[in-house]
Amino acid sequence: MEHVLRCEPTREVQAAASAPAALIVVRTLACLLFVLITMSAPSPAAAQRFGGNSSVCLQSWKRGGITWISCQYRSWDECRASAAGQSAMCLENPYVQQPPQPRRSPHPR
């Protein structure tokens, strides 16, 4: 009865009042954790572009799965010479700009 005369809340009332504050803290920490995990996730790797206007490319591999493509070769023989002794292969550059071909008439006259 003493707490009624002093106008102090009982322990049950104090615990009920602190519950929303604890809930806010827990939710805030959960949101911060979610944001931290989302921001620390690795971003997708950027795709390598085929560079140059040469017709032959050399694709090389190194340990750890590293690969790159270099499109600086004008002939297959030049590319094969560079690929010799490496973990590499030559391939046609799909983005090379070919000179326009002269149009041919459908029927010779």
C-alpha atoms as a PDB file:
ATOM      1  CA  MET A   1       0.000   0.000   0.000  1.00  0.00           C
ATOM      2  CA  GLU A   2       2.969   2.209   0.474  1.00  0.00           C
ATOM      3  CA  HIS A   3       3.532   2.648  -3.289  1.00  0.00           C
ATOM      4  CA  VAL A   4       0.014   4.055  -3.659  1.00  0.00           C
ATOM      5  CA  LEU A   5       0.698   6.760  -1.120  1.00  0.00           C
ATOM      6  CA  ARG A   6       4.006   7.732  -2.794  1.00  0.00           C
ATOM      7  CA  CYS A   7       2.430   7.879  -6.282  1.00  0.00           C
ATOM      8  CA  GLU A   8       5.074   5.552  -7.719  1.00  0.00           C
ATOM      9  CA  PRO A   9       4.092   2.919 -10.301  1.00  0.00           C
ATOM     10  CA  THR A  10       4.325  -0.711  -9.289  1.00  0.00           C
ATOM     11  CA  ARG A  11       6.955  -3.006 -10.779  1.00  0.00           C
ATOM     12  CA  GLU A  12       4.377  -4.525 -13.105  1.00  0.00           C
ATOM     13  CA  VAL A  13       3.530  -1.112 -14.504  1.00  0.00           C
ATOM     14  CA  GLN A  14       7.227  -0.231 -14.900  1.00  0.00           C
ATOM     15  CA  ALA A  15       7.865  -3.507 -16.777  1.00  0.00           C
ATOM     16  CA  ALA A  16       4.881  -2.888 -19.063  1.00  0.00           C
ATOM     17  CA  ALA A  17       6.099   0.628 -19.832  1.00  0.00           C
ATOM     18  CA  SER A  18       9.588  -0.561 -20.759  1.00  0.00           C
ATOM     19  CA  ALA A  19       8.320  -3.333 -23.083  1.00  0.00           C
ATOM     20  CA  PRO A  20       7.566  -0.994 -26.029  1.00  0.00           C
ATOM     21  CA  ALA A  21      10.989   0.622 -25.641  1.00  0.00           C
ATOM     22  CA  ALA A  22      12.683  -2.784 -25.696  1.00  0.00           C
ATOM     23  CA  LEU A  23      10.617  -3.760 -28.736  1.00  0.00           C
ATOM     24  CA  ILE A  24      11.756  -0.611 -30.555  1.00  0.00           C
ATOM     25  CA  VAL A  25      15.388  -1.387 -29.757  1.00  0.00           C
ATOM     26  CA  VAL A  26      15.062  -4.989 -30.996  1.00  0.00           C
ATOM     27  CA  ARG A  27      13.351  -3.901 -34.213  1.00  0.00           C
ATOM     28  CA  THR A  28      15.956  -1.199 -34.813  1.00  0.00           C
ATOM     29  CA  LEU A  29      18.784  -3.684 -34.356  1.00  0.00           C
ATOM     30  CA  ALA A  30      17.061  -6.159 -36.717  1.00  0.00           C
ATOM     31  CA  CYS A  31      16.686  -3.461 -39.378  1.00  0.00           C
ATOM     32  CA  LEU A  32      20.308  -2.380 -38.991  1.00  0.00           C
ATOM     33  CA  LEU A  33      21.455  -5.976 -39.295  1.00  0.00           C
ATOM     34  CA  PHE A  34      19.381  -6.430 -42.459  1.00  0.00           C
ATOM     35  CA  VAL A  35      20.839  -3.254 -43.999  1.00  0.00           C
ATOM     36  CA  LEU A  36      24.385  -4.283 -43.077  1.00  0.00           C
ATOM     37  CA  ILE A  37      23.986  -7.746 -44.621  1.00  0.00           C
ATOM     38  CA  THR A  38      22.379  -6.309 -47.759  1.00  0.00           C
ATOM     39  CA  MET A  39      25.133  -3.751 -48.273  1.00  0.00           C
ATOM     40  CA  SER A  40      27.941  -6.229 -47.659  1.00  0.00           C
ATOM     41  CA  ALA A  41      26.634  -8.733 -50.237  1.00  0.00           C
ATOM     42  CA  PRO A  42      28.966  -9.011 -53.216  1.00  0.00           C
ATOM     43  CA  SER A  43      27.855  -7.150 -56.295  1.00  0.00           C
ATOM     44  CA  PRO A  44      27.626  -8.951 -59.634  1.00  0.00           C
ATOM     45  CA  ALA A  45      30.791  -8.991 -61.666  1.00  0.00           C
ATOM     46  CA  ALA A  46      30.959  -6.620 -64.593  1.00  0.00           C
ATOM     47  CA  ALA A  47      30.990  -8.279 -67.969  1.00  0.00           C
ATOM     48  CA  GLN A  48      34.128  -7.876 -70.026  1.00  0.00           C
ATOM     49  CA  ARG A  49      33.671  -6.181 -73.358  1.00  0.00           C
ATOM     50  CA  PHE A  50      35.401  -7.326 -76.472  1.00  0.00           C
ATOM     51  CA  GLY A  51      37.800  -4.547 -77.326  1.00  0.00           C
ATOM     52  CA  GLY A  52      39.241  -3.548 -80.613  1.00  0.00           C
ATOM     53  CA  ASN A  53      38.209  -4.087 -84.175  1.00  0.00           C
ATOM     54  CA  SER A  54      40.516  -7.012 -84.878  1.00  0.00           C
ATOM     55  CA  SER A  55      38.953 -10.148 -86.240  1.00  0.00           C
ATOM     56  CA  VAL A  56      40.607 -12.681 -83.871  1.00  0.00           C
ATOM     57  CA  CYS A  57      40.518 -12.765 -80.059  1.00  0.00           C
ATOM     58  CA  LEU A  58      42.624 -14.670 -77.533  1.00  0.00           C
ATOM     59  CA  GLN A  59      40.821 -15.997 -74.461  1.00  0.00           C
ATOM     60  CA  SER A  60      43.181 -16.870 -71.593  1.00  0.00           C
ATOM     61  CA  TRP A  61      42.614 -18.615 -68.256  1.00  0.00           C
ATOM     62  CA  LYS A  62      44.602 -18.407 -65.031  1.00  0.00           C
ATOM     63  CA  ARG A  63      44.313 -20.199 -61.699  1.00  0.00           C
ATOM     64  CA  GLY A  64      41.348 -19.258 -59.583  1.00  0.00           C
ATOM     65  CA  GLY A  65      38.967 -19.023 -62.529  1.00  0.00           C
ATOM     66  CA  ILE A  66      40.302 -15.740 -63.843  1.00  0.00           C
ATOM     67  CA  THR A  67      39.711 -15.323 -67.568  1.00  0.00           C
ATOM     68  CA  TRP A  68      40.111 -12.484 -70.009  1.00  0.00           C
ATOM     69  CA  ILE A  69      39.701 -11.855 -73.693  1.00  0.00           C
ATOM     70  CA  SER A  70      42.044  -9.782 -75.806  1.00  0.00           C
ATOM     71  CA  CYS A  71      40.934  -8.898 -79.343  1.00  0.00           C
ATOM     72  CA  GLN A  72      44.107  -7.506 -80.884  1.00  0.00           C
ATOM     73  CA  TYR A  73      45.056 -10.152 -83.432  1.00  0.00           C
ATOM     74  CA  ARG A  74      44.657  -9.681 -87.166  1.00  0.00           C
ATOM     75  CA  SER A  75      45.181 -13.339 -88.104  1.00  0.00           C
ATOM     76  CA  TRP A  76      44.649 -16.800 -86.641  1.00  0.00           C
ATOM     77  CA  ASP A  77      48.378 -17.579 -86.906  1.00  0.00           C
ATOM     78  CA  GLU A  78      49.292 -14.471 -84.908  1.00  0.00           C
ATOM     79  CA  CYS A  79      46.801 -15.470 -82.194  1.00  0.00           C
ATOM     80  CA  ARG A  80      47.977 -19.098 -82.102  1.00  0.00           C
ATOM     81  CA  ALA A  81      51.575 -17.938 -81.686  1.00  0.00           C
ATOM     82  CA  SER A  82      50.552 -15.929 -78.619  1.00  0.00           C
ATOM     83  CA  ALA A  83      48.460 -18.806 -77.236  1.00  0.00           C
ATOM     84  CA  ALA A  84      51.272 -21.355 -77.533  1.00  0.00           C
ATOM     85  CA  GLY A  85      52.271 -22.752 -74.139  1.00  0.00           C
ATOM     86  CA  GLN A  86      49.395 -21.038 -72.309  1.00  0.00           C
ATOM     87  CA  SER A  87      45.978 -22.055 -71.151  1.00  0.00           C
ATOM     88  CA  ALA A  88      44.309 -20.120 -73.951  1.00  0.00           C
ATOM     89  CA  MET A  89      42.372 -20.416 -77.180  1.00  0.00           C
ATOM     90  CA  CYS A  90      41.703 -18.254 -80.193  1.00  0.00           C
ATOM     91  CA  LEU A  91      38.211 -17.297 -81.235  1.00  0.00           C
ATOM     92  CA  GLU A  92      36.512 -15.070 -83.761  1.00  0.00           C
ATOM     93  CA  ASN A  93      35.565 -11.601 -82.565  1.00  0.00           C
ATOM     94  CA  PRO A  94      31.755 -11.494 -82.809  1.00  0.00           C
ATOM     95  CA  TYR A  95      31.724  -7.692 -82.582  1.00  0.00           C
ATOM     96  CA  VAL A  96      34.210  -6.839 -85.292  1.00  0.00           C
ATOM     97  CA  GLN A  97      32.852  -4.376 -87.816  1.00  0.00           C
ATOM     98  CA  GLN A  98      33.230  -5.865 -91.246  1.00  0.00           C
ATOM     99  CA  PRO A  99      33.516  -3.532 -94.229  1.00  0.00           C
ATOM    100  CA  PRO A 100      30.259  -3.382 -96.186  1.00  0.00           C
ATOM    101  CA  GLN A 101      30.029  -5.903 -98.996  1.00  0.00           C
ATOM    102  CA  PRO A 102      29.110  -4.616-102.447  1.00  0.00           C
ATOM    103  CA  ARG A 103      25.565  -5.491-103.392  1.00  0.00           C
ATOM    104  CA  ARG A 104      25.129  -8.017-106.117  1.00  0.00           C
ATOM    105  CA  SER A 105      22.174  -8.027-108.384  1.00  0.00           C
ATOM    106  CA  PRO A 106      19.953 -11.106-108.003  1.00  0.00           C
ATOM    107  CA  HIS A 107      20.196 -12.099-111.694  1.00  0.00           C
ATOM    108  CA  PRO A 108      23.266 -11.630-113.857  1.00  0.00           C
ATOM    109  CA  ARG A 109      22.537  -9.859-117.154  1.00  0.00           C
END
